[in-house]
């Protein structure tokens, strides 16, 4: 495992913990603004942290109501797009109380890299 991928894994683990906890400030702090969410249905530009917080408000509670209590990120692949941008293909496993994967979702993120700061999500693409 190379050092860059380990840096990305740490960031994704932090992001997953924030998602599982429903920590809206920590979630929105993982994004670079403006950000963009792309899907087959269209695109959603995001200009403010409050928009991210509204989008994730209540998500952790909805997952807990389904018996899902944690998230496990798996970095599938990463590719440098430029000096500051990296494309990350990953899978989120939604875990039940026994630690079993009960649901999976795939995403591609374009992350913005800063010198000493953690990466920030610039683009989100749901990949199924």
C-alpha atoms as a PDB file:
ATOM      1  CA  UNK A   1       0.000   0.000   0.000  1.00  0.00           C
ATOM      2  CA  UNK A   2       1.492   3.353  -0.958  1.00  0.00           C
ATOM      3  CA  UNK A   3       1.537   6.416   1.274  1.00  0.00           C
ATOM      4  CA  UNK A   4      -0.986   8.365  -0.828  1.00  0.00           C
ATOM      5  CA  UNK A   5      -3.547   5.531  -0.686  1.00  0.00           C
ATOM      6  CA  UNK A   6      -3.059   5.287   3.094  1.00  0.00           C
ATOM      7  CA  UNK A   7      -3.722   9.045   3.352  1.00  0.00           C
ATOM      8  CA  UNK A   8      -6.912   8.561   1.298  1.00  0.00           C
ATOM      9  CA  UNK A   9      -7.990   5.580   3.447  1.00  0.00           C
ATOM     10  CA  UNK A  10      -7.592   7.630   6.635  1.00  0.00           C
ATOM     11  CA  UNK A  11      -9.685  10.428   5.151  1.00  0.00           C
ATOM     12  CA  UNK A  12     -12.406   7.998   4.025  1.00  0.00           C
ATOM     13  CA  UNK A  13     -12.448   6.335   7.469  1.00  0.00           C
ATOM     14  CA  UNK A  14     -12.891   9.770   9.094  1.00  0.00           C
ATOM     15  CA  UNK A  15     -15.671  10.623   6.627  1.00  0.00           C
ATOM     16  CA  UNK A  16     -17.375   7.264   7.295  1.00  0.00           C
ATOM     17  CA  UNK A  17     -17.263   7.846  11.060  1.00  0.00           C
ATOM     18  CA  UNK A  18     -18.843  11.276  10.595  1.00  0.00           C
ATOM     19  CA  UNK A  19     -21.560   9.773   8.369  1.00  0.00           C
ATOM     20  CA  UNK A  20     -22.317   6.951  10.812  1.00  0.00           C
ATOM     21  CA  UNK A  21     -22.489   9.385  13.729  1.00  0.00           C
ATOM     22  CA  UNK A  22     -24.656  11.870  11.834  1.00  0.00           C
ATOM     23  CA  UNK A  23     -22.090  14.606  12.634  1.00  0.00           C
ATOM     24  CA  UNK A  24     -23.281  17.185  10.113  1.00  0.00           C
ATOM     25  CA  UNK A  25     -20.455  19.689  10.754  1.00  0.00           C
ATOM     26  CA  UNK A  26     -17.799  16.983  10.313  1.00  0.00           C
ATOM     27  CA  UNK A  27     -19.514  15.700   7.156  1.00  0.00           C
ATOM     28  CA  UNK A  28     -19.706  19.138   5.556  1.00  0.00           C
ATOM     29  CA  UNK A  29     -16.096  19.791   6.607  1.00  0.00           C
ATOM     30  CA  UNK A  30     -15.041  16.922   4.333  1.00  0.00           C
ATOM     31  CA  UNK A  31     -16.168  18.838   1.227  1.00  0.00           C
ATOM     32  CA  UNK A  32     -14.425  21.467  -0.884  1.00  0.00           C
ATOM     33  CA  UNK A  33     -16.778  24.179  -2.076  1.00  0.00           C
ATOM     34  CA  UNK A  34     -18.207  24.541  -4.576  1.00  0.00           C
ATOM     35  CA  UNK A  35     -18.883  20.811  -4.930  1.00  0.00           C
ATOM     36  CA  UNK A  36     -20.898  18.806  -7.410  1.00  0.00           C
ATOM     37  CA  UNK A  37     -23.004  15.638  -7.113  1.00  0.00           C
ATOM     38  CA  UNK A  38     -23.509  13.773 -10.406  1.00  0.00           C
ATOM     39  CA  UNK A  39     -25.977  10.987 -11.136  1.00  0.00           C
ATOM     40  CA  UNK A  40     -28.013   9.576 -13.990  1.00  0.00           C
ATOM     41  CA  UNK A  41     -30.817  11.890 -12.877  1.00  0.00           C
ATOM     42  CA  UNK A  42     -28.719  15.044 -13.265  1.00  0.00           C
ATOM     43  CA  UNK A  43     -26.300  17.223 -11.371  1.00  0.00           C
ATOM     44  CA  UNK A  44     -26.590  19.101  -8.097  1.00  0.00           C
ATOM     45  CA  UNK A  45     -24.217  21.996  -7.512  1.00  0.00           C
ATOM     46  CA  UNK A  46     -23.368  22.661  -3.864  1.00  0.00           C
ATOM     47  CA  UNK A  47     -22.290  26.153  -2.895  1.00  0.00           C
ATOM     48  CA  UNK A  48     -22.591  26.154   0.918  1.00  0.00           C
ATOM     49  CA  UNK A  49     -21.860  23.811   3.840  1.00  0.00           C
ATOM     50  CA  UNK A  50     -25.472  24.209   4.974  1.00  0.00           C
ATOM     51  CA  UNK A  51     -26.651  22.526   1.750  1.00  0.00           C
ATOM     52  CA  UNK A  52     -24.511  19.472   2.601  1.00  0.00           C
ATOM     53  CA  UNK A  53     -25.809  19.423   6.177  1.00  0.00           C
ATOM     54  CA  UNK A  54     -29.436  19.573   4.998  1.00  0.00           C
ATOM     55  CA  UNK A  55     -28.795  16.728   2.528  1.00  0.00           C
ATOM     56  CA  UNK A  56     -27.362  14.468   5.265  1.00  0.00           C
ATOM     57  CA  UNK A  57     -29.687  15.553   8.082  1.00  0.00           C
ATOM     58  CA  UNK A  58     -31.443  12.467   9.429  1.00  0.00           C
ATOM     59  CA  UNK A  59     -29.535   9.995   7.206  1.00  0.00           C
ATOM     60  CA  UNK A  60     -27.731   8.311  10.122  1.00  0.00           C
ATOM     61  CA  UNK A  61     -31.030   7.905  11.960  1.00  0.00           C
ATOM     62  CA  UNK A  62     -32.670   6.347   8.880  1.00  0.00           C
ATOM     63  CA  UNK A  63     -29.827   3.828   8.585  1.00  0.00           C
ATOM     64  CA  UNK A  64     -29.990   3.003  12.304  1.00  0.00           C
ATOM     65  CA  UNK A  65     -33.738   2.398  11.943  1.00  0.00           C
ATOM     66  CA  UNK A  66     -32.808  -0.274   9.361  1.00  0.00           C
ATOM     67  CA  UNK A  67     -30.361  -1.853  11.835  1.00  0.00           C
ATOM     68  CA  UNK A  68     -27.270  -0.401  10.170  1.00  0.00           C
ATOM     69  CA  UNK A  69     -24.882   1.068  12.723  1.00  0.00           C
ATOM     70  CA  UNK A  70     -21.526   1.650  11.019  1.00  0.00           C
ATOM     71  CA  UNK A  71     -19.849   2.203   7.667  1.00  0.00           C
ATOM     72  CA  UNK A  72     -16.721   0.536   6.330  1.00  0.00           C
ATOM     73  CA  UNK A  73     -15.006   2.216   3.390  1.00  0.00           C
ATOM     74  CA  UNK A  74     -13.024   0.129   0.915  1.00  0.00           C
ATOM     75  CA  UNK A  75     -10.712   1.966  -1.439  1.00  0.00           C
ATOM     76  CA  UNK A  76     -11.034   0.070  -4.730  1.00  0.00           C
ATOM     77  CA  UNK A  77      -8.774   2.263  -6.883  1.00  0.00           C
ATOM     78  CA  UNK A  78      -7.282   5.717  -7.042  1.00  0.00           C
ATOM     79  CA  UNK A  79      -5.882   7.696  -9.948  1.00  0.00           C
ATOM     80  CA  UNK A  80      -4.104  11.034  -9.921  1.00  0.00           C
ATOM     81  CA  UNK A  81      -5.888  13.377 -12.326  1.00  0.00           C
ATOM     82  CA  UNK A  82      -3.557  16.308 -11.741  1.00  0.00           C
ATOM     83  CA  UNK A  83      -1.220  17.567  -9.044  1.00  0.00           C
ATOM     84  CA  UNK A  84      -4.145  18.436  -6.736  1.00  0.00           C
ATOM     85  CA  UNK A  85      -6.985  16.195  -7.948  1.00  0.00           C
ATOM     86  CA  UNK A  86      -7.366  12.452  -7.450  1.00  0.00           C
ATOM     87  CA  UNK A  87     -10.194  10.157  -8.561  1.00  0.00           C
ATOM     88  CA  UNK A  88     -11.141   7.551  -5.957  1.00  0.00           C
ATOM     89  CA  UNK A  89     -13.338   4.522  -6.634  1.00  0.00           C
ATOM     90  CA  UNK A  90     -14.696   3.080  -3.435  1.00  0.00           C
ATOM     91  CA  UNK A  91     -17.322   0.905  -1.844  1.00  0.00           C
ATOM     92  CA  UNK A  92     -19.204   1.650   1.363  1.00  0.00           C
ATOM     93  CA  UNK A  93     -20.330  -1.366   3.380  1.00  0.00           C
ATOM     94  CA  UNK A  94     -23.204  -0.553   5.731  1.00  0.00           C
ATOM     95  CA  UNK A  95     -22.722  -2.775   8.767  1.00  0.00           C
ATOM     96  CA  UNK A  96     -25.273  -4.235  11.162  1.00  0.00           C
ATOM     97  CA  UNK A  97     -24.721  -4.637  14.901  1.00  0.00           C
ATOM     98  CA  UNK A  98     -22.839  -7.920  14.325  1.00  0.00           C
ATOM     99  CA  UNK A  99     -20.434  -6.156  11.959  1.00  0.00           C
ATOM    100  CA  UNK A 100     -21.864  -7.879   8.876  1.00  0.00           C
ATOM    101  CA  UNK A 101     -22.235  -6.010   5.610  1.00  0.00           C
ATOM    102  CA  UNK A 102     -25.972  -5.614   5.087  1.00  0.00           C
ATOM    103  CA  UNK A 103     -25.829  -3.145   2.198  1.00  0.00           C
ATOM    104  CA  UNK A 104     -23.223  -1.783  -0.229  1.00  0.00           C
ATOM    105  CA  UNK A 105     -22.965   1.340  -2.343  1.00  0.00           C
ATOM    106  CA  UNK A 106     -20.276   2.323  -4.829  1.00  0.00           C
ATOM    107  CA  UNK A 107     -19.016   5.848  -5.380  1.00  0.00           C
ATOM    108  CA  UNK A 108     -16.402   7.700  -7.344  1.00  0.00           C
ATOM    109  CA  UNK A 109     -15.109  10.811  -5.638  1.00  0.00           C
ATOM    110  CA  UNK A 110     -12.887  13.481  -7.084  1.00  0.00           C
ATOM    111  CA  UNK A 111     -10.864  14.679  -4.123  1.00  0.00           C
ATOM    112  CA  UNK A 112      -8.947  17.926  -3.882  1.00  0.00           C
ATOM    113  CA  UNK A 113      -5.575  17.525  -2.204  1.00  0.00           C
ATOM    114  CA  UNK A 114      -4.130  20.322  -0.105  1.00  0.00           C
ATOM    115  CA  UNK A 115      -0.579  20.493   1.225  1.00  0.00           C
ATOM    116  CA  UNK A 116      -0.913  19.435   4.871  1.00  0.00           C
ATOM    117  CA  UNK A 117      -4.699  19.306   5.210  1.00  0.00           C
ATOM    118  CA  UNK A 118      -6.861  16.218   4.688  1.00  0.00           C
ATOM    119  CA  UNK A 119      -8.339  15.741   1.192  1.00  0.00           C
ATOM    120  CA  UNK A 120     -11.714  17.328   0.463  1.00  0.00           C
ATOM    121  CA  UNK A 121     -14.525  15.922  -1.687  1.00  0.00           C
ATOM    122  CA  UNK A 122     -15.067  18.074  -4.787  1.00  0.00           C
ATOM    123  CA  UNK A 123     -17.267  15.753  -6.894  1.00  0.00           C
ATOM    124  CA  UNK A 124     -19.461  12.793  -5.893  1.00  0.00           C
ATOM    125  CA  UNK A 125     -20.667  10.246  -8.450  1.00  0.00           C
ATOM    126  CA  UNK A 126     -22.864   7.351  -7.352  1.00  0.00           C
ATOM    127  CA  UNK A 127     -21.739   4.225  -9.219  1.00  0.00           C
ATOM    128  CA  UNK A 128     -24.156   1.668  -7.825  1.00  0.00           C
END
